[in-house]
Amino acid sequence: MDEPATANEMAETWSVLHTTVYFRRHNTMFGVCMLLPCL
């Protein structure tokens, strides 16, 4: 059995989901933020 997710892991997961949903409403910023780490 997998160990229960820690509070920190849960916070990171929700943070990512929230950020993704937020940027999907701001597609230009989403594209920029996705490309910057690749440069």
PDB file of N, CA and C in Angstrom:
ATOM      1  N   MET A   1       0.837  -1.217   0.000  1.00  0.00           N
ATOM      2  CA  MET A   1       0.000   0.000   0.000  1.00  0.00           C
ATOM      3  C   MET A   1       0.859   1.248   0.000  1.00  0.00           C
ATOM      4  N   ASP A   2       0.400   2.261  -0.729  1.00  0.00           N
ATOM      5  CA  ASP A   2       1.137   3.526  -0.729  1.00  0.00           C
ATOM      6  C   ASP A   2       0.959   4.232   0.606  1.00  0.00           C
ATOM      7  N   GLU A   3       1.995   4.959   0.989  1.00  0.00           N
ATOM      8  CA  GLU A   3       1.877   5.738   2.222  1.00  0.00           C
ATOM      9  C   GLU A   3       0.940   6.919   1.968  1.00  0.00           C
ATOM     10  N   PRO A   4       0.219   7.345   2.992  1.00  0.00           N
ATOM     11  CA  PRO A   4      -0.662   8.508   2.816  1.00  0.00           C
ATOM     12  C   PRO A   4       0.148   9.729   2.412  1.00  0.00           C
ATOM     13  N   ALA A   5      -0.438  10.543   1.546  1.00  0.00           N
ATOM     14  CA  ALA A   5       0.260  11.752   1.100  1.00  0.00           C
ATOM     15  C   ALA A   5       0.452  12.691   2.285  1.00  0.00           C
ATOM     16  N   THR A   6       1.623  13.293   2.357  1.00  0.00           N
ATOM     17  CA  THR A   6       1.876  14.236   3.445  1.00  0.00           C
ATOM     18  C   THR A   6       1.145  15.538   3.161  1.00  0.00           C
ATOM     19  N   ALA A   7       1.008  16.357   4.179  1.00  0.00           N
ATOM     20  CA  ALA A   7       0.319  17.643   4.020  1.00  0.00           C
ATOM     21  C   ALA A   7       1.048  18.492   2.987  1.00  0.00           C
ATOM     22  N   ASN A   8       2.379  18.412   2.994  1.00  0.00           N
ATOM     23  CA  ASN A   8       3.166  19.198   2.045  1.00  0.00           C
ATOM     24  C   ASN A   8       2.899  18.753   0.618  1.00  0.00           C
ATOM     25  N   GLU A   9       2.832  17.442   0.391  1.00  0.00           N
ATOM     26  CA  GLU A   9       2.561  16.935  -0.957  1.00  0.00           C
ATOM     27  C   GLU A   9       1.169  17.349  -1.408  1.00  0.00           C
ATOM     28  N   MET A  10       0.198  17.296  -0.506  1.00  0.00           N
ATOM     29  CA  MET A  10      -1.166  17.706  -0.837  1.00  0.00           C
ATOM     30  C   MET A  10      -1.185  19.179  -1.200  1.00  0.00           C
ATOM     31  N   ALA A  11      -0.467  19.995  -0.442  1.00  0.00           N
ATOM     32  CA  ALA A  11      -0.425  21.434  -0.705  1.00  0.00           C
ATOM     33  C   ALA A  11       0.186  21.699  -2.075  1.00  0.00           C
ATOM     34  N   GLU A  12       1.255  20.976  -2.407  1.00  0.00           N
ATOM     35  CA  GLU A  12       1.900  21.167  -3.708  1.00  0.00           C
ATOM     36  C   GLU A  12       0.957  20.769  -4.837  1.00  0.00           C
ATOM     37  N   THR A  13       0.253  19.653  -4.659  1.00  0.00           N
ATOM     38  CA  THR A  13      -0.675  19.189  -5.691  1.00  0.00           C
ATOM     39  C   THR A  13      -1.772  20.206  -5.934  1.00  0.00           C
ATOM     40  N   TRP A  14      -2.386  20.699  -4.868  1.00  0.00           N
ATOM     41  CA  TRP A  14      -3.462  21.680  -5.024  1.00  0.00           C
ATOM     42  C   TRP A  14      -2.926  22.982  -5.580  1.00  0.00           C
ATOM     43  N   SER A  15      -1.700  23.349  -5.214  1.00  0.00           N
ATOM     44  CA  SER A  15      -1.104  24.575  -5.734  1.00  0.00           C
ATOM     45  C   SER A  15      -0.945  24.477  -7.241  1.00  0.00           C
ATOM     46  N   VAL A  16      -0.481  23.316  -7.713  1.00  0.00           N
ATOM     47  CA  VAL A  16      -0.313  23.100  -9.156  1.00  0.00           C
ATOM     48  C   VAL A  16      -1.661  23.152  -9.856  1.00  0.00           C
ATOM     49  N   LEU A  17      -2.662  22.479  -9.289  1.00  0.00           N
ATOM     50  CA  LEU A  17      -3.991  22.475  -9.903  1.00  0.00           C
ATOM     51  C   LEU A  17      -4.559  23.882  -9.967  1.00  0.00           C
ATOM     52  N   HIS A  18      -4.431  24.629  -8.880  1.00  0.00           N
ATOM     53  CA  HIS A  18      -4.951  25.994  -8.835  1.00  0.00           C
ATOM     54  C   HIS A  18      -4.248  26.863  -9.865  1.00  0.00           C
ATOM     55  N   THR A  19      -2.921  26.725  -9.955  1.00  0.00           N
ATOM     56  CA  THR A  19      -2.156  27.511 -10.923  1.00  0.00           C
ATOM     57  C   THR A  19      -2.562  27.162 -12.346  1.00  0.00           C
ATOM     58  N   THR A  20      -2.743  25.866 -12.618  1.00  0.00           N
ATOM     59  CA  THR A  20      -3.140  25.435 -13.960  1.00  0.00           C
ATOM     60  C   THR A  20      -4.491  26.014 -14.340  1.00  0.00           C
ATOM     61  N   VAL A  21      -5.460  25.911 -13.444  1.00  0.00           N
ATOM     62  CA  VAL A  21      -6.802  26.443 -13.711  1.00  0.00           C
ATOM     63  C   VAL A  21      -6.737  27.946 -13.924  1.00  0.00           C
ATOM     64  N   TYR A  22      -5.943  28.631 -13.088  1.00  0.00           N
ATOM     65  CA  TYR A  22      -5.822  30.087 -13.200  1.00  0.00           C
ATOM     66  C   TYR A  22      -5.249  30.479 -14.556  1.00  0.00           C
ATOM     67  N   PHE A  23      -4.170  29.817 -14.962  1.00  0.00           N
ATOM     68  CA  PHE A  23      -3.518  30.196 -16.219  1.00  0.00           C
ATOM     69  C   PHE A  23      -4.314  29.773 -17.446  1.00  0.00           C
ATOM     70  N   ARG A  24      -5.193  28.784 -17.295  1.00  0.00           N
ATOM     71  CA  ARG A  24      -6.014  28.404 -18.448  1.00  0.00           C
ATOM     72  C   ARG A  24      -6.974  29.536 -18.784  1.00  0.00           C
ATOM     73  N   ARG A  25      -7.208  30.423 -17.830  1.00  0.00           N
ATOM     74  CA  ARG A  25      -8.062  31.586 -18.071  1.00  0.00           C
ATOM     75  C   ARG A  25      -7.232  32.742 -18.616  1.00  0.00           C
ATOM     76  N   HIS A  26      -5.915  32.572 -18.611  1.00  0.00           N
ATOM     77  CA  HIS A  26      -5.000  33.607 -19.099  1.00  0.00           C
ATOM     78  C   HIS A  26      -3.989  32.915 -20.009  1.00  0.00           C
ATOM     79  N   ASN A  27      -4.478  32.486 -21.172  1.00  0.00           N
ATOM     80  CA  ASN A  27      -3.677  31.633 -22.052  1.00  0.00           C
ATOM     81  C   ASN A  27      -2.337  32.240 -22.446  1.00  0.00           C
ATOM     82  N   THR A  28      -2.287  33.545 -22.648  1.00  0.00           N
ATOM     83  CA  THR A  28      -1.021  34.169 -23.019  1.00  0.00           C
ATOM     84  C   THR A  28       0.003  33.981 -21.906  1.00  0.00           C
ATOM     85  N   MET A  29      -0.396  34.275 -20.681  1.00  0.00           N
ATOM     86  CA  MET A  29       0.517  34.106 -19.556  1.00  0.00           C
ATOM     87  C   MET A  29       0.877  32.632 -19.383  1.00  0.00           C
ATOM     88  N   PHE A  30      -0.100  31.747 -19.616  1.00  0.00           N
ATOM     89  CA  PHE A  30       0.147  30.307 -19.490  1.00  0.00           C
ATOM     90  C   PHE A  30       1.245  29.890 -20.460  1.00  0.00           C
ATOM     91  N   GLY A  31       1.147  30.346 -21.713  1.00  0.00           N
ATOM     92  CA  GLY A  31       2.151  30.014 -22.715  1.00  0.00           C
ATOM     93  C   GLY A  31       3.519  30.535 -22.323  1.00  0.00           C
ATOM     94  N   VAL A  32       3.560  31.775 -21.854  1.00  0.00           N
ATOM     95  CA  VAL A  32       4.838  32.381 -21.455  1.00  0.00           C
ATOM     96  C   VAL A  32       5.451  31.594 -20.300  1.00  0.00           C
ATOM     97  N   CYS A  33       4.653  31.279 -19.297  1.00  0.00           N
ATOM     98  CA  CYS A  33       5.162  30.563 -18.123  1.00  0.00           C
ATOM     99  C   CYS A  33       5.598  29.141 -18.469  1.00  0.00           C
ATOM    100  N   MET A  34       4.983  28.549 -19.488  1.00  0.00           N
ATOM    101  CA  MET A  34       5.373  27.204 -19.893  1.00  0.00           C
ATOM    102  C   MET A  34       6.674  27.236 -20.694  1.00  0.00           C
ATOM    103  N   LEU A  35       6.880  28.306 -21.460  1.00  0.00           N
ATOM    104  CA  LEU A  35       8.066  28.385 -22.314  1.00  0.00           C
ATOM    105  C   LEU A  35       9.307  28.854 -21.556  1.00  0.00           C
ATOM    106  N   LEU A  36       9.141  29.768 -20.607  1.00  0.00           N
ATOM    107  CA  LEU A  36      10.293  30.331 -19.906  1.00  0.00           C
ATOM    108  C   LEU A  36      11.223  29.281 -19.296  1.00  0.00           C
ATOM    109  N   PRO A  37      10.704  28.267 -18.596  1.00  0.00           N
ATOM    110  CA  PRO A  37      11.610  27.272 -18.009  1.00  0.00           C
ATOM    111  C   PRO A  37      12.406  26.491 -19.058  1.00  0.00           C
ATOM    112  N   CYS A  38      11.907  26.462 -20.290  1.00  0.00           N
ATOM    113  CA  CYS A  38      12.570  25.695 -21.347  1.00  0.00           C
ATOM    114  C   CYS A  38      13.704  26.474 -22.004  1.00  0.00           C
ATOM    115  N   LEU A  39      13.738  27.784 -21.798  1.00  0.00           N
ATOM    116  CA  LEU A  39      14.751  28.602 -22.480  1.00  0.00           C
ATOM    117  C   LEU A  39      16.118  28.484 -21.835  1.00  0.00           C
TER     118      LEU A  39
END
